[in-house]
Amino acid sequence: MNRATNPPRKPARWSGSDAALQAVQVAFDVEAAVLEAVRRAAFENNISNSDQIRLILGLPASHRPKRPRLTVTLTLDDYETLGVRYGLPAEERLAIKECVTRELIGFAGRE
């Protein structure tokens, strides 16, 4: 079978993904005041920045509340540093995550 003329068939369960596969993420280079205004409105409306932009543009948006979580990328060196900070081995990533969560909660209480 020649793959160039007969591409592999996709499973039926993937058919709902067609529109998403054709979507293109677009980035906008704007001044800090615009970025801050969009982020603030999204925060106040408890939606993602992307959904806020869609609402501004009059496009349909999911209107799902954004997930209440914070993310950060941690390197192996970061886990080593945090392990020392919390008195844990760097390999105990879940325990380190729990310590970080408690520290962030404490930070929020000081605000």
C-alpha atoms as a PDB file:
ATOM      1  CA  MET A   1       0.000   0.000   0.000  1.00  0.00           C
ATOM      2  CA  ASN A   2       1.365   3.416  -0.922  1.00  0.00           C
ATOM      3  CA  ARG A   3       1.059   5.780   2.048  1.00  0.00           C
ATOM      4  CA  ALA A   4       1.360   8.854  -0.159  1.00  0.00           C
ATOM      5  CA  THR A   5      -1.858   8.039  -1.957  1.00  0.00           C
ATOM      6  CA  ASN A   6      -3.610   6.240   0.894  1.00  0.00           C
ATOM      7  CA  PRO A   7      -2.899   7.929   4.211  1.00  0.00           C
ATOM      8  CA  PRO A   8      -3.624   5.805   7.291  1.00  0.00           C
ATOM      9  CA  ARG A   9      -7.231   5.978   8.484  1.00  0.00           C
ATOM     10  CA  LYS A  10      -7.733   7.693  11.796  1.00  0.00           C
ATOM     11  CA  PRO A  11      -9.823   6.024  14.491  1.00  0.00           C
ATOM     12  CA  ALA A  12     -13.474   7.111  14.590  1.00  0.00           C
ATOM     13  CA  ARG A  13     -13.038   8.376  18.167  1.00  0.00           C
ATOM     14  CA  TRP A  14     -10.665  11.055  16.835  1.00  0.00           C
ATOM     15  CA  SER A  15     -13.208  12.542  14.417  1.00  0.00           C
ATOM     16  CA  GLY A  16     -14.346  15.135  16.984  1.00  0.00           C
ATOM     17  CA  SER A  17     -10.803  16.565  16.976  1.00  0.00           C
ATOM     18  CA  ASP A  18     -10.883  17.776  13.370  1.00  0.00           C
ATOM     19  CA  ALA A  19     -11.738  21.394  14.218  1.00  0.00           C
ATOM     20  CA  ALA A  20      -9.119  21.563  16.954  1.00  0.00           C
ATOM     21  CA  LEU A  21      -6.484  20.196  14.593  1.00  0.00           C
ATOM     22  CA  GLN A  22      -7.191  23.037  12.179  1.00  0.00           C
ATOM     23  CA  ALA A  23      -7.084  25.762  14.861  1.00  0.00           C
ATOM     24  CA  VAL A  24      -4.000  27.967  15.036  1.00  0.00           C
ATOM     25  CA  GLN A  25      -2.703  29.599  18.193  1.00  0.00           C
ATOM     26  CA  VAL A  26      -1.984  33.284  17.634  1.00  0.00           C
ATOM     27  CA  ALA A  27       0.266  35.448  19.817  1.00  0.00           C
ATOM     28  CA  PHE A  28      -0.130  39.214  20.035  1.00  0.00           C
ATOM     29  CA  ASP A  29       2.763  41.527  20.826  1.00  0.00           C
ATOM     30  CA  VAL A  30       1.140  44.350  22.762  1.00  0.00           C
ATOM     31  CA  GLU A  31       2.282  46.885  25.319  1.00  0.00           C
ATOM     32  CA  ALA A  32       2.254  46.000  28.993  1.00  0.00           C
ATOM     33  CA  ALA A  33      -0.904  48.026  29.710  1.00  0.00           C
ATOM     34  CA  VAL A  34      -2.935  45.955  27.222  1.00  0.00           C
ATOM     35  CA  LEU A  35      -1.533  42.708  28.582  1.00  0.00           C
ATOM     36  CA  GLU A  36      -2.338  43.764  32.138  1.00  0.00           C
ATOM     37  CA  ALA A  37      -5.872  44.880  31.240  1.00  0.00           C
ATOM     38  CA  VAL A  38      -6.686  41.558  29.545  1.00  0.00           C
ATOM     39  CA  ARG A  39      -5.166  39.529  32.371  1.00  0.00           C
ATOM     40  CA  ARG A  40      -6.991  41.561  35.011  1.00  0.00           C
ATOM     41  CA  ALA A  41     -10.343  41.182  33.229  1.00  0.00           C
ATOM     42  CA  ALA A  42      -9.758  37.434  32.817  1.00  0.00           C
ATOM     43  CA  PHE A  43      -8.893  37.135  36.498  1.00  0.00           C
ATOM     44  CA  GLU A  44     -11.952  39.118  37.568  1.00  0.00           C
ATOM     45  CA  ASN A  45     -14.183  37.008  35.279  1.00  0.00           C
ATOM     46  CA  ASN A  46     -12.475  33.788  36.438  1.00  0.00           C
ATOM     47  CA  ILE A  47     -11.754  32.734  32.861  1.00  0.00           C
ATOM     48  CA  SER A  48      -8.596  32.094  30.878  1.00  0.00           C
ATOM     49  CA  ASN A  49      -6.769  34.909  29.100  1.00  0.00           C
ATOM     50  CA  SER A  50      -7.657  33.202  25.826  1.00  0.00           C
ATOM     51  CA  ASP A  51     -11.380  33.163  26.643  1.00  0.00           C
ATOM     52  CA  GLN A  52     -11.178  36.825  27.667  1.00  0.00           C
ATOM     53  CA  ILE A  53      -9.669  37.727  24.296  1.00  0.00           C
ATOM     54  CA  ARG A  54     -12.399  35.724  22.533  1.00  0.00           C
ATOM     55  CA  LEU A  55     -15.070  37.655  24.469  1.00  0.00           C
ATOM     56  CA  ILE A  56     -13.446  40.994  23.595  1.00  0.00           C
ATOM     57  CA  LEU A  57     -13.459  39.978  19.937  1.00  0.00           C
ATOM     58  CA  GLY A  58     -17.085  38.792  20.045  1.00  0.00           C
ATOM     59  CA  LEU A  59     -16.115  35.158  19.457  1.00  0.00           C
ATOM     60  CA  PRO A  60     -17.681  32.228  21.299  1.00  0.00           C
ATOM     61  CA  ALA A  61     -15.799  31.205  24.430  1.00  0.00           C
ATOM     62  CA  SER A  62     -16.031  28.150  26.640  1.00  0.00           C
ATOM     63  CA  HIS A  63     -17.037  30.157  29.735  1.00  0.00           C
ATOM     64  CA  ARG A  64     -15.576  27.411  31.874  1.00  0.00           C
ATOM     65  CA  PRO A  65     -13.927  28.744  34.996  1.00  0.00           C
ATOM     66  CA  LYS A  66     -10.191  28.383  34.762  1.00  0.00           C
ATOM     67  CA  ARG A  67      -8.674  25.683  36.884  1.00  0.00           C
ATOM     68  CA  PRO A  68      -7.630  26.997  40.287  1.00  0.00           C
ATOM     69  CA  ARG A  69      -3.987  26.032  40.081  1.00  0.00           C
ATOM     70  CA  LEU A  70      -0.591  27.582  39.733  1.00  0.00           C
ATOM     71  CA  THR A  71       2.186  26.114  37.629  1.00  0.00           C
ATOM     72  CA  VAL A  72       5.936  26.446  37.672  1.00  0.00           C
ATOM     73  CA  THR A  73       8.645  24.533  35.836  1.00  0.00           C
ATOM     74  CA  LEU A  74      11.181  22.966  38.192  1.00  0.00           C
ATOM     75  CA  THR A  75      14.572  21.643  37.108  1.00  0.00           C
ATOM     76  CA  LEU A  76      16.539  18.901  38.827  1.00  0.00           C
ATOM     77  CA  ASP A  77      18.619  21.652  40.456  1.00  0.00           C
ATOM     78  CA  ASP A  78      15.410  23.290  41.703  1.00  0.00           C
ATOM     79  CA  TYR A  79      14.353  20.018  43.347  1.00  0.00           C
ATOM     80  CA  GLU A  80      17.799  19.777  44.957  1.00  0.00           C
ATOM     81  CA  THR A  81      17.458  23.331  46.313  1.00  0.00           C
ATOM     82  CA  LEU A  82      13.912  22.766  47.537  1.00  0.00           C
ATOM     83  CA  GLY A  83      14.888  19.430  49.047  1.00  0.00           C
ATOM     84  CA  VAL A  84      17.535  21.183  51.123  1.00  0.00           C
ATOM     85  CA  ARG A  85      15.043  23.924  52.029  1.00  0.00           C
ATOM     86  CA  TYR A  86      12.467  21.415  53.284  1.00  0.00           C
ATOM     87  CA  GLY A  87      14.885  18.791  54.599  1.00  0.00           C
ATOM     88  CA  LEU A  88      13.850  16.218  52.011  1.00  0.00           C
ATOM     89  CA  PRO A  89      15.686  14.209  49.362  1.00  0.00           C
ATOM     90  CA  ALA A  90      15.293  15.740  45.894  1.00  0.00           C
ATOM     91  CA  GLU A  91      13.721  12.469  44.708  1.00  0.00           C
ATOM     92  CA  GLU A  92      10.736  13.006  47.042  1.00  0.00           C
ATOM     93  CA  ARG A  93       9.004  15.226  44.492  1.00  0.00           C
ATOM     94  CA  LEU A  94       5.481  14.705  45.826  1.00  0.00           C
ATOM     95  CA  ALA A  95       6.559  15.605  49.367  1.00  0.00           C
ATOM     96  CA  ILE A  96       8.369  18.670  48.010  1.00  0.00           C
ATOM     97  CA  LYS A  97       5.227  19.640  46.078  1.00  0.00           C
ATOM     98  CA  GLU A  98       3.191  19.388  49.283  1.00  0.00           C
ATOM     99  CA  CYS A  99       5.686  21.621  51.121  1.00  0.00           C
ATOM    100  CA  VAL A 100       5.583  24.174  48.293  1.00  0.00           C
ATOM    101  CA  THR A 101       1.770  24.113  48.365  1.00  0.00           C
ATOM    102  CA  ARG A 102       1.786  24.838  52.113  1.00  0.00           C
ATOM    103  CA  GLU A 103       4.278  27.658  51.593  1.00  0.00           C
ATOM    104  CA  LEU A 104       2.128  29.230  48.865  1.00  0.00           C
ATOM    105  CA  ILE A 105      -0.942  28.982  51.101  1.00  0.00           C
ATOM    106  CA  GLY A 106       1.042  30.693  53.854  1.00  0.00           C
ATOM    107  CA  PHE A 107       2.103  33.401  51.418  1.00  0.00           C
ATOM    108  CA  ALA A 108      -1.532  34.048  50.480  1.00  0.00           C
ATOM    109  CA  GLY A 109      -2.411  34.413  54.169  1.00  0.00           C
ATOM    110  CA  ARG A 110       0.119  37.245  54.543  1.00  0.00           C
ATOM    111  CA  GLU A 111      -1.332  39.289  51.695  1.00  0.00           C
END
